[in-house]
Amino acid sequence: MIKEFILPDIGEGVVECELVEWLVSEGDTVSEDQPIADVMTDKALVQIPAPHAGVIKKLHYAKGEIAKVHAPLYSVDLNGNCSPSVEDLAVNDEQVNCTVEQSDEIISSDVATPVSPKGVQIEEFLLPDIGEGIVECELVEWLVSEGDQVVEDQPIADVMTDKALVQIPSIKSGKIVKLHYRKGQLAKVHEPLFAVEVEQEQPAAVSEGSEVTHAAESISAADDTKEPVAQGKALASPAVRRLARTLDIDIAKVPGTGKNGRVFKEDIERYHSGASAHSNTMSATTEHDVSSSTLSTPSLNSGSVNIGQTIDRVEPIRGVKAVMAKMMTESVRTIPHFTYCEEIDLTELAALRESMKKKYSSDELKLTMMPFFMKSMSLALKQFPVINSQVNDDCTELTYLSSHNIGMAVDSKVGLLVPNVKDVQNKSILEIAAEITRLTTAARSGRVSPSDLKSGTVSISNIGALGGTVATPIINKPEVAIVALGKLQVLPRFNADGEVEARKIMQISWSGDHRVIDGGTIARFCNLWKQYLEEPQEMLLAMQ
């Protein structure tokens, strides 16, 4: 069976790339995950692996030509590396995997689908690389159902990596015949995500579906053991291969703990550290199993559950929540935090914002208080650049950053996200407001771009929007400071004449990295920021 390899999404917004180098030739026999080509996007060099074993029949581009995403990159003869014999299938693991891939009646190793009608064929959609180092992701939501007709580029599913929510589009028009995962399950990169019935381009090989199913099921059970497997040609993602090259490691010598000996990042790191693969097999298997399956109920002897407690449910910590847990733990463990609190009188600023809100607000721009907080902070950062710095891991270097990329914590449906407004120092208040509106809308739906989450320099947590006045925020490492905004309250305060007035007061709480910021510095910085907020005319005069 001749199958076209469709160039998958290889980066956000990337629709084409340059073919830098073919790593194979027409007529070559290739194995699953073997590197096929190097392509260059406008962002990086990407290595394209083979999702199937077979014989290369046609390379569709010459070196230096521009290849299109979602268009065929090369053709492969799947029969060229597989025997259709069911007896052979029971013996040869690779042949089973390849035959299962080419059969129209088989979608995965344990699920069969109806035979496709004449004139159409069933094709597997393989989950493409969706981020460097990502080998699996959580199926958040199916946007279609089995039996639905879909068109090319129609959104099919939302999946969650440990970095962001990603929407998976269909690369062909047709009918959805099988969804391979349930909501909440972990989907594997380079493995079938769903099956779609499309118009048949050429006759497909038909095999004894029921017999192949039984053979695949029996071998699937044998594959459940996750003992490290040494292989001549390693199974690994491009990111893992790149890590091996960086560490000058021959990946073919690394025992893989994944299915069929797939090599993970942890295997490379373990091999690099010189630890014995045999002594680490059990821990590696446990780590992989915990990350790729539903967590089991804790043991009564583990300390997690006391005798007599009733368990309601146990949920795995995945995606953004898992990243937040890791980052916050690392921040508290490595950064000596100190907190500085102050109150700010926002009466004048609130009146100014209220007078401008109706004129300048729209669907694309919500004039909240946040743009004023960011712009005034940027003005203060010019006088106190240490607040906009980053320190290296061993605290031997302090890097001062010229860009004021101010982050804001957003309580999204997928967890806490901190997108940032880039180059606040160069933006007007209205430009900042428009960017905040865009980022907030994207973050709350879970669709914020990874680029919007990177390169922040200082962060704001608006906890007061939900309630509360004082907090002790955790620094968003490698930043050195973060501020929590409390609830805006109308409180009695004495004016200059000793009279009591109703004023709009906000409590704010700074956390600083005490390795590089002392209490006096953050107090003086906060005083300047406070002056800009309490006297908006001073902010306007300081703006360039």
Protein backbone atom coordinates (compact mmCIF):
# COMPACT_ATOMS: atom_id res chain seq x y z
CA MET A 1 0.00 0.00 0.00
CA ILE A 2 1.41 3.39 -1.03
CA LYS A 3 0.76 6.03 1.63
CA GLU A 4 1.45 9.73 1.47
CA PHE A 5 3.18 11.33 4.46
CA ILE A 6 1.41 14.63 5.08
CA LEU A 7 3.67 17.33 6.52
CA PRO A 8 2.09 18.08 9.94
CA ASP A 9 1.85 21.37 11.82
CA ILE A 10 5.43 22.15 12.86
CA GLY A 11 4.91 25.44 14.65
CA GLU A 12 2.23 27.96 15.41
CA GLY A 13 1.41 30.02 12.31
CA VAL A 14 3.86 28.03 10.13
CA VAL A 15 2.28 27.16 6.74
CA GLU A 16 5.44 26.29 4.79
CA CYS A 17 9.10 25.47 5.31
CA GLU A 18 12.29 25.01 3.34
CA LEU A 19 13.51 21.46 2.61
CA VAL A 20 17.06 21.71 3.96
CA GLU A 21 18.22 18.10 3.62
CA TRP A 22 16.79 14.70 2.80
CA LEU A 23 18.20 12.11 5.21
CA VAL A 24 16.98 9.21 3.04
CA SER A 25 16.78 8.43 -0.68
CA GLU A 26 14.07 6.93 -2.88
CA GLY A 27 14.18 3.15 -2.50
CA ASP A 28 15.51 3.23 1.08
CA THR A 29 13.84 1.06 3.70
CA VAL A 30 13.04 3.10 6.80
CA SER A 31 11.83 2.24 10.30
CA GLU A 32 9.28 3.98 12.47
CA ASP A 33 10.59 7.28 13.93
CA GLN A 34 13.67 7.24 11.68
CA PRO A 35 14.62 10.82 10.71
CA ILE A 36 13.54 11.51 7.10
CA ALA A 37 14.28 15.17 6.46
CA ASP A 38 15.48 18.43 7.99
CA VAL A 39 13.22 21.40 7.27
CA MET A 40 13.67 25.05 8.18
CA THR A 41 10.79 27.23 9.33
CA ASP A 42 11.09 30.96 10.01
CA LYS A 43 11.79 30.01 13.63
CA ALA A 44 13.91 26.88 13.81
CA LEU A 45 15.36 23.79 12.12
CA VAL A 46 12.96 20.84 12.54
CA GLN A 47 13.67 17.18 11.94
CA ILE A 48 10.79 15.16 10.45
CA PRO A 49 10.54 11.51 11.62
CA ALA A 50 8.77 8.64 9.87
CA PRO A 51 5.50 7.60 11.56
CA HIS A 52 5.50 4.27 9.61
CA ALA A 53 8.05 1.68 8.54
CA GLY A 54 8.29 0.99 4.81
CA VAL A 55 10.12 1.75 1.56
CA ILE A 56 10.50 5.34 0.35
CA LYS A 57 8.89 5.54 -3.09
CA LYS A 58 8.86 9.27 -3.85
CA LEU A 59 10.40 12.43 -2.38
CA HIS A 60 8.10 15.25 -3.43
CA TYR A 61 10.52 18.16 -3.02
CA ALA A 62 14.08 18.90 -4.04
CA LYS A 63 16.60 20.32 -1.61
CA GLY A 64 15.95 24.04 -1.17
CA GLU A 65 12.32 23.92 -2.30
CA ILE A 66 9.43 25.14 -0.14
CA ALA A 67 7.24 22.38 1.36
CA LYS A 68 3.64 23.10 2.33
CA VAL A 69 2.14 22.13 5.70
CA HIS A 70 -0.78 19.67 5.29
CA ALA A 71 0.54 18.65 1.83
CA PRO A 72 2.38 15.39 0.94
CA LEU A 73 6.10 15.43 1.76
CA TYR A 74 6.99 11.93 0.55
CA SER A 75 5.39 8.60 -0.38
CA VAL A 76 6.09 5.31 1.42
CA ASP A 77 5.23 1.72 0.49
CA LEU A 78 3.98 0.19 3.74
CA ASN A 79 4.01 -3.30 2.19
CA GLY A 80 7.70 -2.92 1.49
CA ASN A 81 8.59 -3.63 5.12
CA CYS A 82 5.77 -5.91 6.17
CA SER A 83 4.66 -9.44 5.57
CA PRO A 84 0.90 -9.96 5.36
CA SER A 85 1.18 -13.40 6.93
CA VAL A 86 -0.81 -13.71 10.15
CA GLU A 87 1.61 -16.42 11.28
CA ASP A 88 4.47 -13.96 10.90
CA LEU A 89 2.47 -11.37 12.80
CA ALA A 90 2.36 -13.60 15.83
CA VAL A 91 6.16 -13.65 15.85
CA ASN A 92 7.34 -10.28 14.61
CA ASP A 93 6.36 -7.24 16.70
CA GLU A 94 7.32 -4.65 14.07
CA GLN A 95 5.33 -6.47 11.37
CA VAL A 96 2.23 -6.45 13.53
CA ASN A 97 2.48 -2.72 14.08
CA CYS A 98 3.01 -2.07 10.38
CA THR A 99 0.23 -4.39 9.19
CA VAL A 100 -2.19 -2.89 11.68
CA GLU A 101 -1.37 0.55 10.31
CA GLN A 102 -2.04 -0.48 6.69
CA SER A 103 -5.26 -2.43 7.26
CA ASP A 104 -8.47 -0.54 6.56
CA GLU A 105 -10.23 -2.66 9.15
CA ILE A 106 -7.90 -1.93 12.07
CA ILE A 107 -7.57 1.44 13.78
CA SER A 108 -5.53 0.55 16.86
CA SER A 109 -4.08 -2.55 18.43
CA ASP A 110 -7.28 -3.33 20.31
CA VAL A 111 -10.11 -1.59 18.43
CA ALA A 112 -11.50 -2.63 15.05
CA THR A 113 -13.68 -0.51 12.76
CA PRO A 114 -16.19 -1.43 10.05
CA VAL A 115 -14.89 -2.17 6.57
CA SER A 116 -15.01 0.98 4.48
CA PRO A 117 -17.44 1.05 1.53
CA LYS A 118 -16.13 0.75 -2.01
CA GLY A 119 -14.68 4.02 -3.28
CA VAL A 120 -13.59 5.27 0.13
CA GLN A 121 -10.82 4.36 2.55
CA ILE A 122 -10.24 4.83 6.26
CA GLU A 123 -7.16 6.81 7.19
CA GLU A 124 -5.58 7.34 10.58
CA PHE A 125 -4.80 10.86 11.75
CA LEU A 126 -1.54 10.66 13.68
CA LEU A 127 -1.14 13.24 16.42
CA PRO A 128 1.73 15.44 15.17
CA ASP A 129 4.53 17.07 17.13
CA ILE A 130 2.83 19.90 19.02
CA GLY A 131 5.78 21.29 20.94
CA GLU A 132 9.42 20.64 21.66
CA GLY A 133 9.88 17.73 24.05
CA ILE A 134 6.15 16.90 24.16
CA VAL A 135 5.37 13.18 23.74
CA GLU A 136 1.82 13.14 25.07
CA CYS A 137 -1.08 15.46 25.83
CA GLU A 138 -4.45 15.36 27.55
CA LEU A 139 -7.61 15.12 25.41
CA VAL A 140 -9.57 18.09 26.78
CA GLU A 141 -12.56 18.14 24.41
CA TRP A 142 -13.73 16.50 21.20
CA LEU A 143 -15.24 19.12 18.90
CA VAL A 144 -16.81 16.44 16.68
CA SER A 145 -18.55 13.09 17.16
CA GLU A 146 -18.24 9.74 15.40
CA GLY A 147 -20.27 9.87 12.20
CA ASP A 148 -19.81 13.63 11.69
CA GLN A 149 -18.79 14.95 8.30
CA VAL A 150 -15.78 17.26 8.55
CA VAL A 151 -13.94 19.50 6.11
CA GLU A 152 -10.24 20.22 5.76
CA ASP A 153 -8.86 22.43 8.54
CA GLN A 154 -12.01 22.02 10.67
CA PRO A 155 -11.14 21.91 14.39
CA ILE A 156 -11.41 18.33 15.65
CA ALA A 157 -10.16 18.37 19.24
CA ASP A 158 -8.67 20.50 21.99
CA VAL A 159 -5.63 18.92 23.64
CA MET A 160 -3.64 20.19 26.62
CA THR A 161 0.13 19.94 26.79
CA ASP A 162 2.14 20.97 29.83
CA LYS A 163 2.43 24.41 28.23
CA ALA A 164 -0.80 25.40 26.53
CA LEU A 165 -4.12 24.35 25.02
CA VAL A 166 -3.74 23.35 21.35
CA GLN A 167 -6.50 22.89 18.79
CA ILE A 168 -6.03 19.99 16.35
CA PRO A 169 -7.48 20.53 12.83
CA SER A 170 -8.45 17.91 10.26
CA ILE A 171 -6.05 17.66 7.34
CA LYS A 172 -8.68 16.09 5.05
CA SER A 173 -12.41 16.20 4.42
CA GLY A 174 -14.42 13.09 5.23
CA LYS A 175 -16.46 11.28 7.89
CA ILE A 176 -15.20 10.63 11.41
CA VAL A 177 -15.42 6.88 12.00
CA LYS A 178 -13.49 6.50 15.24
CA LEU A 179 -12.27 8.69 18.10
CA HIS A 180 -9.46 6.81 19.81
CA TYR A 181 -9.48 8.58 23.18
CA ARG A 182 -12.04 9.63 25.74
CA LYS A 183 -12.11 13.07 27.31
CA GLY A 184 -9.40 13.28 29.97
CA GLN A 185 -7.21 10.49 28.55
CA LEU A 186 -3.61 11.01 27.44
CA ALA A 187 -2.97 10.92 23.69
CA LYS A 188 0.45 9.96 22.35
CA VAL A 189 2.35 11.99 19.75
CA HIS A 190 2.82 10.06 16.47
CA GLU A 191 0.00 7.65 17.35
CA PRO A 192 -3.57 7.62 15.93
CA LEU A 193 -5.86 10.28 17.38
CA PHE A 194 -8.91 9.59 15.21
CA ALA A 195 -9.86 7.75 12.02
CA VAL A 196 -11.54 9.46 9.07
CA GLU A 197 -13.25 7.96 6.03
CA VAL A 198 -12.07 9.75 2.86
CA GLU A 199 -12.42 9.23 -0.86
CA GLN A 200 -10.13 6.43 -1.96
CA GLU A 201 -7.14 7.62 -3.94
CA GLN A 202 -6.00 4.10 -4.90
CA PRO A 203 -6.89 0.52 -3.93
CA ALA A 204 -5.98 -0.30 -0.36
CA ALA A 205 -4.80 -3.72 0.74
CA VAL A 206 -7.50 -5.67 2.57
CA SER A 207 -6.51 -8.28 5.13
CA GLU A 208 -8.34 -10.70 7.33
CA GLY A 209 -9.52 -8.08 9.81
CA SER A 210 -10.63 -10.41 12.58
CA GLU A 211 -7.48 -12.54 12.45
CA VAL A 212 -5.18 -9.51 12.48
CA THR A 213 -7.16 -8.08 15.38
CA HIS A 214 -6.63 -11.22 17.45
CA ALA A 215 -2.93 -11.25 16.61
CA ALA A 216 -2.55 -7.58 17.46
CA GLU A 217 -4.42 -8.02 20.73
CA SER A 218 -2.21 -10.89 21.83
CA ILE A 219 0.95 -8.96 21.06
CA SER A 220 -0.42 -5.76 22.59
CA ALA A 221 -0.67 -7.62 25.87
CA ALA A 222 2.94 -8.67 25.58
CA ASP A 223 3.97 -5.08 24.84
CA ASP A 224 2.56 -3.87 28.14
CA THR A 225 5.84 -4.74 29.82
CA LYS A 226 7.98 -1.63 29.93
CA GLU A 227 11.41 -3.21 30.33
CA PRO A 228 14.13 -1.11 28.68
CA VAL A 229 14.74 -2.26 25.13
CA ALA A 230 18.03 -1.67 23.35
CA GLN A 231 17.60 -1.06 19.63
CA GLY A 232 19.74 -0.44 16.59
CA LYS A 233 17.51 2.43 15.40
CA ALA A 234 16.03 4.17 18.40
CA LEU A 235 12.37 5.20 18.63
CA ALA A 236 12.28 8.77 19.89
CA SER A 237 10.80 12.18 19.17
CA PRO A 238 12.91 14.85 17.42
CA ALA A 239 13.25 16.76 20.70
CA VAL A 240 14.68 13.68 22.43
CA ARG A 241 17.06 13.06 19.53
CA ARG A 242 18.18 16.69 19.72
CA LEU A 243 18.86 16.31 23.46
CA ALA A 244 20.96 13.22 22.76
CA ARG A 245 22.99 15.09 20.13
CA THR A 246 23.49 17.99 22.53
CA LEU A 247 24.89 15.62 25.16
CA ASP A 248 26.97 13.75 22.52
CA ILE A 249 25.11 10.49 23.20
CA ASP A 250 24.52 7.72 20.65
CA ILE A 251 20.76 7.35 21.10
CA ALA A 252 20.85 3.82 19.68
CA LYS A 253 22.76 2.77 22.83
CA VAL A 254 20.20 4.21 25.23
CA PRO A 255 17.78 1.63 26.71
CA GLY A 256 14.26 2.96 26.14
CA THR A 257 11.55 2.48 28.76
CA GLY A 258 8.60 3.21 26.45
CA LYS A 259 6.57 0.87 24.30
CA ASN A 260 8.70 -0.96 21.71
CA GLY A 261 11.76 0.59 23.35
CA ARG A 262 10.81 4.24 22.73
CA VAL A 263 13.40 6.52 24.29
CA PHE A 264 12.16 9.35 26.50
CA LYS A 265 13.96 12.43 27.78
CA GLU A 266 14.30 10.76 31.20
CA ASP A 267 16.10 7.81 29.58
CA ILE A 268 18.65 10.15 27.98
CA GLU A 269 19.22 11.99 31.27
CA ARG A 270 19.56 8.70 33.16
CA TYR A 271 22.05 7.37 30.61
CA HIS A 272 24.00 10.63 30.71
CA SER A 273 24.25 10.52 34.49
CA GLY A 274 25.91 7.09 34.23
CA ALA A 275 23.21 5.27 36.21
CA SER A 276 22.58 1.63 35.43
CA ALA A 277 19.54 1.09 33.22
CA HIS A 278 18.65 -2.09 35.10
CA SER A 279 18.69 -0.43 38.51
CA ASN A 280 16.46 2.36 37.26
CA THR A 281 13.97 0.31 35.27
CA MET A 282 11.39 0.18 38.02
CA SER A 283 11.53 3.92 38.84
CA ALA A 284 11.49 4.88 35.17
CA THR A 285 8.50 2.65 34.53
CA THR A 286 6.67 4.12 37.51
CA GLU A 287 7.35 7.68 36.39
CA HIS A 288 6.09 6.99 32.88
CA ASP A 289 3.02 5.11 34.06
CA VAL A 290 2.00 7.89 36.45
CA SER A 291 2.28 10.49 33.69
CA SER A 292 0.39 8.46 31.09
CA SER A 293 -2.47 6.82 32.95
CA THR A 294 -5.13 7.53 35.52
CA LEU A 295 -3.67 7.58 39.02
CA SER A 296 -4.63 4.69 41.25
CA THR A 297 -6.16 5.09 44.70
CA PRO A 298 -3.44 5.86 47.29
CA SER A 299 -2.40 3.07 49.61
CA LEU A 300 -3.49 3.35 53.22
CA ASN A 301 0.16 2.85 54.13
CA SER A 302 1.41 5.67 51.90
CA GLY A 303 0.54 8.45 54.31
CA SER A 304 -1.86 10.04 51.79
CA VAL A 305 -5.01 8.59 53.29
CA ASN A 306 -5.72 7.86 56.93
CA ILE A 307 -7.67 4.84 58.05
CA GLY A 308 -11.31 5.75 58.33
CA GLN A 309 -11.23 8.42 55.63
CA THR A 310 -13.67 8.10 52.75
CA ILE A 311 -12.21 8.87 49.32
CA ASP A 312 -14.50 10.89 47.07
CA ARG A 313 -12.26 10.74 44.00
CA VAL A 314 -8.62 10.89 42.93
CA GLU A 315 -7.65 13.17 40.05
CA PRO A 316 -4.32 13.25 38.23
CA ILE A 317 -2.52 16.62 38.22
CA ARG A 318 -1.83 17.36 34.58
CA GLY A 319 -1.30 20.10 32.05
CA VAL A 320 -1.08 23.68 33.30
CA LYS A 321 -1.79 22.65 36.90
CA ALA A 322 1.16 20.26 36.87
CA VAL A 323 3.43 22.96 35.43
CA MET A 324 2.25 25.47 38.05
CA ALA A 325 2.89 22.98 40.85
CA LYS A 326 6.42 22.34 39.58
CA MET A 327 7.25 26.02 39.04
CA MET A 328 5.85 27.22 42.36
CA THR A 329 7.68 24.49 44.27
CA GLU A 330 10.93 25.38 42.51
CA SER A 331 10.40 29.09 43.19
CA VAL A 332 9.83 28.65 46.92
CA ARG A 333 12.68 26.14 47.20
CA THR A 334 15.30 28.32 45.50
CA ILE A 335 14.22 31.94 46.10
CA PRO A 336 14.27 33.60 49.54
CA HIS A 337 11.00 35.55 49.42
CA PHE A 338 10.16 38.65 51.43
CA THR A 339 6.86 40.56 51.35
CA TYR A 340 6.26 44.31 51.43
CA CYS A 341 2.71 45.68 51.82
CA GLU A 342 1.33 49.15 51.15
CA GLU A 343 -2.02 50.83 50.59
CA ILE A 344 -2.77 53.04 47.60
CA ASP A 345 -5.48 55.68 47.32
CA LEU A 346 -6.98 55.20 43.87
CA THR A 347 -9.81 57.72 44.18
CA GLU A 348 -8.44 60.10 41.53
CA LEU A 349 -7.40 57.35 39.14
CA ALA A 350 -10.77 55.62 39.44
CA ALA A 351 -12.52 58.89 38.56
CA LEU A 352 -10.24 59.43 35.54
CA ARG A 353 -10.80 55.93 34.29
CA GLU A 354 -14.58 56.22 34.76
CA SER A 355 -14.67 59.44 32.70
CA MET A 356 -12.77 57.75 29.84
CA LYS A 357 -14.38 54.30 29.96
CA LYS A 358 -17.46 54.94 27.80
CA LYS A 359 -15.54 56.75 25.07
CA TYR A 360 -12.66 54.33 24.72
CA SER A 361 -14.16 50.91 25.50
CA SER A 362 -15.17 48.48 22.75
CA ASP A 363 -15.29 44.75 22.07
CA GLU A 364 -11.54 44.80 21.34
CA LEU A 365 -10.63 47.15 24.19
CA LYS A 366 -11.81 47.16 27.81
CA LEU A 367 -10.45 50.16 29.70
CA THR A 368 -9.96 48.63 33.14
CA MET A 369 -7.59 49.79 35.88
CA MET A 370 -4.93 47.29 34.79
CA PRO A 371 -3.48 49.35 31.88
CA PHE A 372 -2.83 52.21 34.32
CA PHE A 373 -1.18 49.83 36.79
CA MET A 374 1.09 48.46 34.05
CA LYS A 375 2.04 51.80 32.53
CA SER A 376 2.81 53.41 35.88
CA MET A 377 4.85 50.33 36.87
CA SER A 378 6.85 50.60 33.65
CA LEU A 379 7.60 54.27 34.40
CA ALA A 380 8.82 53.30 37.87
CA LEU A 381 10.93 50.46 36.47
CA LYS A 382 12.98 52.99 34.51
CA GLN A 383 14.16 54.42 37.83
CA PHE A 384 14.58 51.00 39.51
CA PRO A 385 15.75 48.58 36.78
CA VAL A 386 16.73 45.89 39.32
CA ILE A 387 13.01 45.10 39.70
CA ASN A 388 13.01 44.22 35.98
CA SER A 389 16.02 41.91 36.15
CA GLN A 390 16.65 38.15 36.24
CA VAL A 391 19.21 36.19 38.23
CA ASN A 392 20.88 32.98 37.06
CA ASP A 393 20.48 29.67 38.92
CA ASP A 394 23.66 29.88 41.00
CA CYS A 395 23.13 33.61 41.71
CA THR A 396 26.40 34.72 40.15
CA GLU A 397 24.96 36.97 37.45
CA LEU A 398 22.17 39.54 37.32
CA THR A 399 20.73 40.39 33.89
CA TYR A 400 19.00 43.75 33.47
CA LEU A 401 16.23 43.62 30.86
CA SER A 402 15.33 46.57 28.63
CA SER A 403 11.88 45.25 27.71
CA HIS A 404 9.14 45.66 30.30
CA ASN A 405 7.09 42.50 29.62
CA ILE A 406 4.56 42.74 32.44
CA GLY A 407 2.63 39.57 33.18
CA MET A 408 -0.83 39.25 34.67
CA ALA A 409 -2.18 36.14 36.37
CA VAL A 410 -5.45 34.93 34.80
CA ASP A 411 -7.74 32.34 36.38
CA SER A 412 -8.55 30.28 33.25
CA LYS A 413 -10.61 27.12 32.77
CA VAL A 414 -7.40 25.09 32.45
CA GLY A 415 -5.65 26.59 35.48
CA LEU A 416 -3.56 29.63 36.34
CA LEU A 417 -1.96 31.27 33.30
CA VAL A 418 0.35 34.30 33.30
CA PRO A 419 0.44 35.90 29.82
CA ASN A 420 2.41 39.10 29.52
CA VAL A 421 2.12 42.37 27.64
CA LYS A 422 5.32 42.85 25.68
CA ASP A 423 7.26 46.16 25.68
CA VAL A 424 4.93 48.12 27.93
CA GLN A 425 7.54 50.92 27.97
CA ASN A 426 6.81 51.59 24.29
CA LYS A 427 3.00 51.34 24.39
CA SER A 428 0.31 53.88 25.15
CA ILE A 429 -2.32 53.17 27.79
CA LEU A 430 -4.88 52.38 25.07
CA GLU A 431 -2.47 50.01 23.32
CA ILE A 432 -1.82 48.26 26.63
CA ALA A 433 -5.58 48.03 27.25
CA ALA A 434 -6.17 46.41 23.84
CA GLU A 435 -3.41 43.88 24.49
CA ILE A 436 -4.76 43.09 27.96
CA THR A 437 -8.23 42.51 26.47
CA ARG A 438 -6.80 40.12 23.87
CA LEU A 439 -4.71 38.18 26.36
CA THR A 440 -7.48 37.92 28.96
CA THR A 441 -9.99 36.61 26.41
CA ALA A 442 -7.49 34.06 25.08
CA ALA A 443 -6.33 32.95 28.55
CA ARG A 444 -9.83 32.46 29.96
CA SER A 445 -10.71 30.19 27.05
CA GLY A 446 -7.40 28.35 27.49
CA ARG A 447 -6.20 29.31 24.00
CA VAL A 448 -3.42 31.71 24.87
CA SER A 449 -0.41 31.44 22.55
CA PRO A 450 2.78 29.94 24.02
CA SER A 451 4.65 33.08 22.89
CA ASP A 452 2.32 35.18 25.06
CA LEU A 453 3.36 33.12 28.10
CA LYS A 454 7.11 33.46 27.52
CA SER A 455 9.66 36.15 28.34
CA GLY A 456 7.83 37.88 31.21
CA THR A 457 9.95 40.20 33.37
CA VAL A 458 7.68 41.12 36.32
CA SER A 459 4.16 39.97 37.22
CA ILE A 460 0.88 41.29 38.63
CA SER A 461 -1.65 39.06 40.40
CA ASN A 462 -5.08 40.70 40.59
CA ILE A 463 -6.37 38.54 43.43
CA GLY A 464 -8.65 41.37 44.55
CA ALA A 465 -10.90 40.74 41.57
CA LEU A 466 -12.03 37.60 43.38
CA GLY A 467 -11.75 38.97 46.94
CA GLY A 468 -9.16 39.45 49.63
CA THR A 469 -6.96 42.37 50.54
CA VAL A 470 -3.47 41.09 51.41
CA ALA A 471 -1.57 38.15 49.89
CA THR A 472 1.91 36.65 49.79
CA PRO A 473 2.39 35.97 46.06
CA ILE A 474 5.00 33.49 44.84
CA ILE A 475 7.58 34.87 42.41
CA ASN A 476 7.27 33.67 38.83
CA LYS A 477 10.85 32.39 38.43
CA PRO A 478 13.22 33.60 36.88
CA GLU A 479 11.61 36.98 37.61
CA VAL A 480 12.64 38.72 40.85
CA ALA A 481 9.40 40.42 41.90
CA ILE A 482 5.62 40.06 41.82
CA VAL A 483 2.81 42.19 43.22
CA ALA A 484 -0.68 41.11 44.34
CA LEU A 485 -3.49 43.66 44.01
CA GLY A 486 -6.09 43.52 46.76
CA LYS A 487 -9.78 44.35 46.60
CA LEU A 488 -10.65 48.00 45.89
CA GLN A 489 -12.58 49.20 48.96
CA VAL A 490 -14.32 52.41 49.93
CA LEU A 491 -12.85 53.25 53.35
CA PRO A 492 -12.79 56.31 55.65
CA ARG A 493 -9.54 58.32 55.56
CA PHE A 494 -8.49 61.70 56.92
CA ASN A 495 -7.83 64.44 54.35
CA ALA A 496 -5.27 67.25 54.66
CA ASP A 497 -7.71 69.29 56.76
CA GLY A 498 -8.27 66.49 59.23
CA GLU A 499 -11.72 65.69 57.88
CA VAL A 500 -12.92 62.14 57.27
CA GLU A 501 -13.63 61.31 53.63
CA ALA A 502 -14.71 58.21 51.75
CA ARG A 503 -11.71 57.12 49.66
CA LYS A 504 -11.12 54.21 47.27
CA ILE A 505 -8.30 52.24 48.87
CA MET A 506 -6.40 49.18 47.58
CA GLN A 507 -3.95 47.08 49.57
CA ILE A 508 -1.01 45.81 47.51
CA SER A 509 1.54 43.12 48.48
CA TRP A 510 4.97 42.82 46.88
CA SER A 511 7.13 39.70 47.04
CA GLY A 512 10.80 40.17 46.19
CA ASP A 513 13.83 37.96 45.66
CA HIS A 514 15.94 38.84 48.71
CA ARG A 515 19.11 37.65 46.99
CA VAL A 516 19.09 40.72 44.72
CA ILE A 517 16.45 43.11 46.12
CA ASP A 518 16.53 44.61 49.60
CA GLY A 519 13.63 46.10 51.53
CA GLY A 520 14.72 49.71 50.96
CA THR A 521 14.84 49.28 47.19
CA ILE A 522 11.38 47.79 46.90
CA ALA A 523 9.98 50.42 49.29
CA ARG A 524 11.38 53.30 47.22
CA PHE A 525 10.21 51.67 43.98
CA CYS A 526 6.74 51.12 45.42
CA ASN A 527 6.57 54.74 46.61
CA LEU A 528 7.23 56.01 43.07
CA TRP A 529 4.68 53.61 41.59
CA LYS A 530 2.19 54.70 44.24
CA GLN A 531 2.77 58.38 43.39
CA TYR A 532 1.96 57.76 39.72
CA LEU A 533 -1.23 55.93 40.66
CA GLU A 534 -2.44 58.37 43.31
CA GLU A 535 -1.64 61.42 41.17
CA PRO A 536 -2.44 60.44 37.55
CA GLN A 537 -1.21 63.82 36.29
CA GLU A 538 2.29 62.85 37.45
CA MET A 539 2.03 59.67 35.40
CA LEU A 540 1.04 61.66 32.29
CA LEU A 541 3.95 64.07 32.74
CA ALA A 542 6.43 61.18 33.08
CA MET A 543 5.25 59.49 29.88
CA GLN A 544 7.36 60.03 26.78
